[in-house]
Amino acid sequence: MDVFYEQFVGRKDDKFYNFVKLSAYAAGIIALGFFSIAKIAGFVLFIIIAGVIFIVKRKLYAEYEYAFTNGEIDIDKITDKSNRKTVSNFHIRDIEVMAEKDSGIIKNSDFKYDKELNFYNKNNSNAVYSILLIYSGEKLKINFVPDKKFLELCFLMNNKKVII
């Protein structure tokens, strides 16, 4: 029997993101204004500013999708509502431990990680869980916000190392 579950972790547009988005469009309009009155230097300057703001805007908006398939966990990062990239992939049986980020199990663990990866939005209200694992020879601490069903599936596949 195949076990498959997907969880989408979206985000709400905050005021800063909306400001950056509006600034990108405003800089583009100002650039067109300079172009229409033949001020090439102003046009080029505002095109560059609009481009930089547009790139920053794309990096600011990040959503995550967690997929659980027969014990295999895939974490995808979605930027600017359109670009999807798999940022992590591992099997639940390969983890050292999975528990709430602020729990004593994680804080008091003697597992010394090389890198900490955050796959959740800062304005999230759900509990943040951490996974400690060795992936491709690198010790990682992965922070994410699974829902109840995702946690239960992880627990079913590895009940000795998943603490709910």
C-alpha atoms as a PDB file:
ATOM      1  CA  MET A   1       0.000   0.000   0.000  1.00  0.00           C
ATOM      2  CA  ASP A   2       1.380   3.373  -1.031  1.00  0.00           C
ATOM      3  CA  VAL A   3       1.293   6.162   1.528  1.00  0.00           C
ATOM      4  CA  PHE A   4       1.233   9.652   0.018  1.00  0.00           C
ATOM      5  CA  TYR A   5       0.529  13.008   1.643  1.00  0.00           C
ATOM      6  CA  GLU A   6       1.275  16.597   0.629  1.00  0.00           C
ATOM      7  CA  GLN A   7       1.214  19.641   2.851  1.00  0.00           C
ATOM      8  CA  PHE A   8       1.378  23.179   1.504  1.00  0.00           C
ATOM      9  CA  VAL A   9       2.782  25.917   3.754  1.00  0.00           C
ATOM     10  CA  GLY A  10       1.747  29.215   2.226  1.00  0.00           C
ATOM     11  CA  ARG A  11       2.275  32.722   3.403  1.00  0.00           C
ATOM     12  CA  LYS A  12       0.279  35.879   3.633  1.00  0.00           C
ATOM     13  CA  ASP A  13       1.543  38.994   1.904  1.00  0.00           C
ATOM     14  CA  ASP A  14       2.972  41.221   4.591  1.00  0.00           C
ATOM     15  CA  LYS A  15       3.269  44.999   4.367  1.00  0.00           C
ATOM     16  CA  PHE A  16       6.973  44.940   3.505  1.00  0.00           C
ATOM     17  CA  TYR A  17       6.444  42.510   0.614  1.00  0.00           C
ATOM     18  CA  ASN A  18       3.596  44.647  -0.751  1.00  0.00           C
ATOM     19  CA  PHE A  19       5.790  47.761  -0.445  1.00  0.00           C
ATOM     20  CA  VAL A  20       8.614  46.112  -2.400  1.00  0.00           C
ATOM     21  CA  LYS A  21       6.161  44.892  -5.033  1.00  0.00           C
ATOM     22  CA  LEU A  22       4.680  48.373  -5.443  1.00  0.00           C
ATOM     23  CA  SER A  23       8.182  49.916  -5.574  1.00  0.00           C
ATOM     24  CA  ALA A  24       9.182  47.647  -8.465  1.00  0.00           C
ATOM     25  CA  TYR A  25       6.188  48.742 -10.512  1.00  0.00           C
ATOM     26  CA  ALA A  26       6.691  52.415  -9.579  1.00  0.00           C
ATOM     27  CA  ALA A  27      10.357  52.314 -10.631  1.00  0.00           C
ATOM     28  CA  GLY A  28       9.321  50.731 -13.948  1.00  0.00           C
ATOM     29  CA  ILE A  29       6.741  53.456 -14.582  1.00  0.00           C
ATOM     30  CA  ILE A  30       9.241  56.197 -13.702  1.00  0.00           C
ATOM     31  CA  ALA A  31      11.739  54.589 -16.107  1.00  0.00           C
ATOM     32  CA  LEU A  32       9.138  54.733 -18.882  1.00  0.00           C
ATOM     33  CA  GLY A  33       8.548  58.400 -18.043  1.00  0.00           C
ATOM     34  CA  PHE A  34      12.254  59.155 -18.407  1.00  0.00           C
ATOM     35  CA  PHE A  35      12.350  57.195 -21.654  1.00  0.00           C
ATOM     36  CA  SER A  36       9.426  59.182 -23.085  1.00  0.00           C
ATOM     37  CA  ILE A  37      11.216  62.487 -22.463  1.00  0.00           C
ATOM     38  CA  ALA A  38      14.492  61.120 -23.892  1.00  0.00           C
ATOM     39  CA  LYS A  39      16.496  61.105 -20.673  1.00  0.00           C
ATOM     40  CA  ILE A  40      18.463  57.935 -21.314  1.00  0.00           C
ATOM     41  CA  ALA A  41      20.559  58.117 -18.121  1.00  0.00           C
ATOM     42  CA  GLY A  42      17.424  58.326 -15.933  1.00  0.00           C
ATOM     43  CA  PHE A  43      15.787  55.562 -17.924  1.00  0.00           C
ATOM     44  CA  VAL A  44      18.755  53.222 -17.492  1.00  0.00           C
ATOM     45  CA  LEU A  45      19.040  54.072 -13.780  1.00  0.00           C
ATOM     46  CA  PHE A  46      15.386  53.324 -13.049  1.00  0.00           C
ATOM     47  CA  ILE A  47      15.406  50.162 -15.178  1.00  0.00           C
ATOM     48  CA  ILE A  48      18.317  48.903 -13.056  1.00  0.00           C
ATOM     49  CA  ILE A  49      16.515  49.886  -9.834  1.00  0.00           C
ATOM     50  CA  ALA A  50      13.310  48.172 -10.994  1.00  0.00           C
ATOM     51  CA  GLY A  51      15.261  45.040 -11.918  1.00  0.00           C
ATOM     52  CA  VAL A  52      16.986  44.849  -8.530  1.00  0.00           C
ATOM     53  CA  ILE A  53      13.712  45.408  -6.680  1.00  0.00           C
ATOM     54  CA  PHE A  54      12.015  42.748  -8.821  1.00  0.00           C
ATOM     55  CA  ILE A  55      14.731  40.196  -7.982  1.00  0.00           C
ATOM     56  CA  VAL A  56      14.496  41.041  -4.258  1.00  0.00           C
ATOM     57  CA  LYS A  57      10.704  40.677  -4.436  1.00  0.00           C
ATOM     58  CA  ARG A  58      11.043  37.179  -5.879  1.00  0.00           C
ATOM     59  CA  LYS A  59      13.371  36.129  -3.063  1.00  0.00           C
ATOM     60  CA  LEU A  60      11.092  37.566  -0.366  1.00  0.00           C
ATOM     61  CA  TYR A  61       8.053  35.504  -1.307  1.00  0.00           C
ATOM     62  CA  ALA A  62       8.672  31.874  -0.400  1.00  0.00           C
ATOM     63  CA  GLU A  63       6.208  29.058   0.193  1.00  0.00           C
ATOM     64  CA  TYR A  64       6.971  25.441   1.000  1.00  0.00           C
ATOM     65  CA  GLU A  65       5.462  22.092   0.149  1.00  0.00           C
ATOM     66  CA  TYR A  66       6.228  18.958   2.129  1.00  0.00           C
ATOM     67  CA  ALA A  67       5.538  15.625   0.440  1.00  0.00           C
ATOM     68  CA  PHE A  68       5.562  12.256   2.179  1.00  0.00           C
ATOM     69  CA  THR A  69       5.715   9.204  -0.099  1.00  0.00           C
ATOM     70  CA  ASN A  70       6.259   5.796   1.520  1.00  0.00           C
ATOM     71  CA  GLY A  71       8.677   7.286   4.055  1.00  0.00           C
ATOM     72  CA  GLU A  72      10.464   9.503   1.539  1.00  0.00           C
ATOM     73  CA  ILE A  73      10.209  13.199   2.458  1.00  0.00           C
ATOM     74  CA  ASP A  74      10.558  15.876  -0.221  1.00  0.00           C
ATOM     75  CA  ILE A  75      10.633  19.553   0.664  1.00  0.00           C
ATOM     76  CA  ASP A  76      10.057  22.002  -2.170  1.00  0.00           C
ATOM     77  CA  LYS A  77      10.532  25.763  -2.040  1.00  0.00           C
ATOM     78  CA  ILE A  78       8.211  27.860  -4.193  1.00  0.00           C
ATOM     79  CA  THR A  79       9.412  31.403  -4.850  1.00  0.00           C
ATOM     80  CA  ASP A  80       7.224  34.180  -6.198  1.00  0.00           C
ATOM     81  CA  LYS A  81       4.272  31.777  -6.549  1.00  0.00           C
ATOM     82  CA  SER A  82       5.722  30.166  -9.671  1.00  0.00           C
ATOM     83  CA  ASN A  83       9.254  28.771  -9.360  1.00  0.00           C
ATOM     84  CA  ARG A  84       9.531  25.393  -7.615  1.00  0.00           C
ATOM     85  CA  LYS A  85      12.790  23.846  -6.464  1.00  0.00           C
ATOM     86  CA  THR A  86      13.349  20.696  -4.398  1.00  0.00           C
ATOM     87  CA  VAL A  87      15.515  21.823  -1.490  1.00  0.00           C
ATOM     88  CA  SER A  88      15.661  18.592   0.500  1.00  0.00           C
ATOM     89  CA  ASN A  89      14.963  14.908   0.001  1.00  0.00           C
ATOM     90  CA  PHE A  90      15.557  12.106   2.522  1.00  0.00           C
ATOM     91  CA  HIS A  91      13.997   8.966   3.967  1.00  0.00           C
ATOM     92  CA  ILE A  92      12.416   9.033   7.418  1.00  0.00           C
ATOM     93  CA  ARG A  93      14.366   5.929   8.468  1.00  0.00           C
ATOM     94  CA  ASP A  94      17.651   7.836   7.957  1.00  0.00           C
ATOM     95  CA  ILE A  95      16.963  10.541  10.545  1.00  0.00           C
ATOM     96  CA  GLU A  96      18.638  10.721  13.935  1.00  0.00           C
ATOM     97  CA  VAL A  97      15.655  12.346  15.652  1.00  0.00           C
ATOM     98  CA  MET A  98      12.583  14.465  14.863  1.00  0.00           C
ATOM     99  CA  ALA A  99      10.946  16.570  17.575  1.00  0.00           C
ATOM    100  CA  GLU A 100       9.754  20.099  18.329  1.00  0.00           C
ATOM    101  CA  LYS A 101      12.521  22.618  17.812  1.00  0.00           C
ATOM    102  CA  ASP A 102      12.369  23.951  21.368  1.00  0.00           C
ATOM    103  CA  SER A 103      12.067  20.555  23.045  1.00  0.00           C
ATOM    104  CA  GLY A 104      14.703  19.236  25.389  1.00  0.00           C
ATOM    105  CA  ILE A 105      15.413  16.372  23.005  1.00  0.00           C
ATOM    106  CA  ILE A 106      16.657  18.758  20.315  1.00  0.00           C
ATOM    107  CA  LYS A 107      18.279  21.300  22.632  1.00  0.00           C
ATOM    108  CA  ASN A 108      20.105  18.691  24.723  1.00  0.00           C
ATOM    109  CA  SER A 109      21.094  16.471  21.812  1.00  0.00           C
ATOM    110  CA  ASP A 110      24.793  15.776  21.411  1.00  0.00           C
ATOM    111  CA  PHE A 111      24.289  15.806  17.612  1.00  0.00           C
ATOM    112  CA  LYS A 112      26.507  18.628  16.319  1.00  0.00           C
ATOM    113  CA  TYR A 113      25.129  19.789  12.992  1.00  0.00           C
ATOM    114  CA  ASP A 114      27.124  21.535  10.272  1.00  0.00           C
ATOM    115  CA  LYS A 115      24.228  23.430   8.758  1.00  0.00           C
ATOM    116  CA  GLU A 116      20.763  24.557   9.894  1.00  0.00           C
ATOM    117  CA  LEU A 117      18.096  24.850   7.198  1.00  0.00           C
ATOM    118  CA  ASN A 118      14.792  26.658   7.762  1.00  0.00           C
ATOM    119  CA  PHE A 119      11.958  25.547   5.506  1.00  0.00           C
ATOM    120  CA  TYR A 120       9.083  27.590   6.891  1.00  0.00           C
ATOM    121  CA  ASN A 121       7.860  31.183   6.894  1.00  0.00           C
ATOM    122  CA  LYS A 122       8.782  33.387   9.828  1.00  0.00           C
ATOM    123  CA  ASN A 123       5.190  34.611  10.280  1.00  0.00           C
ATOM    124  CA  ASN A 124       3.986  31.051  10.817  1.00  0.00           C
ATOM    125  CA  SER A 125       1.917  30.240  13.915  1.00  0.00           C
ATOM    126  CA  ASN A 126       2.284  26.423  13.916  1.00  0.00           C
ATOM    127  CA  ALA A 127       4.816  24.484  15.967  1.00  0.00           C
ATOM    128  CA  VAL A 128       8.256  24.267  14.391  1.00  0.00           C
ATOM    129  CA  TYR A 129       9.802  20.791  14.291  1.00  0.00           C
ATOM    130  CA  SER A 130      13.451  19.935  13.767  1.00  0.00           C
ATOM    131  CA  ILE A 131      14.955  16.922  12.070  1.00  0.00           C
ATOM    132  CA  LEU A 132      18.536  15.983  12.789  1.00  0.00           C
ATOM    133  CA  LEU A 133      20.091  13.826  10.087  1.00  0.00           C
ATOM    134  CA  ILE A 134      23.222  13.022   8.156  1.00  0.00           C
ATOM    135  CA  TYR A 135      22.695  13.608   4.448  1.00  0.00           C
ATOM    136  CA  SER A 136      25.484  13.049   1.903  1.00  0.00           C
ATOM    137  CA  GLY A 137      28.061  13.097   4.692  1.00  0.00           C
ATOM    138  CA  GLU A 138      26.844  16.437   6.065  1.00  0.00           C
ATOM    139  CA  LYS A 139      25.140  16.791   9.448  1.00  0.00           C
ATOM    140  CA  LEU A 140      21.965  18.834   9.048  1.00  0.00           C
ATOM    141  CA  LYS A 141      19.287  20.342  11.239  1.00  0.00           C
ATOM    142  CA  ILE A 142      16.133  20.887   9.195  1.00  0.00           C
ATOM    143  CA  ASN A 143      13.397  23.098  10.673  1.00  0.00           C
ATOM    144  CA  PHE A 144       9.892  22.916   9.227  1.00  0.00           C
ATOM    145  CA  VAL A 145       6.210  23.105  10.248  1.00  0.00           C
ATOM    146  CA  PRO A 146       4.447  19.799   9.591  1.00  0.00           C
ATOM    147  CA  ASP A 147       0.754  19.417  10.342  1.00  0.00           C
ATOM    148  CA  LYS A 148      -0.726  16.662  12.509  1.00  0.00           C
ATOM    149  CA  LYS A 149      -1.249  14.157   9.689  1.00  0.00           C
ATOM    150  CA  PHE A 150       2.302  14.615   8.398  1.00  0.00           C
ATOM    151  CA  LEU A 151       3.661  13.998  11.904  1.00  0.00           C
ATOM    152  CA  GLU A 152       1.507  10.886  12.306  1.00  0.00           C
ATOM    153  CA  LEU A 153       2.792   9.433   9.029  1.00  0.00           C
ATOM    154  CA  CYS A 154       6.381  10.077  10.079  1.00  0.00           C
ATOM    155  CA  PHE A 155       5.683   8.438  13.441  1.00  0.00           C
ATOM    156  CA  LEU A 156       4.149   5.373  11.760  1.00  0.00           C
ATOM    157  CA  MET A 157       7.260   4.882   9.620  1.00  0.00           C
ATOM    158  CA  ASN A 158       9.832   5.524  12.375  1.00  0.00           C
ATOM    159  CA  ASN A 159       8.236   5.545  15.816  1.00  0.00           C
ATOM    160  CA  LYS A 160      11.550   5.246  17.674  1.00  0.00           C
ATOM    161  CA  LYS A 161      13.008   8.492  16.330  1.00  0.00           C
ATOM    162  CA  VAL A 162       9.925  10.655  15.764  1.00  0.00           C
ATOM    163  CA  ILE A 163       8.642  12.339  18.909  1.00  0.00           C
ATOM    164  CA  ILE A 164       5.219  13.936  18.594  1.00  0.00           C
END
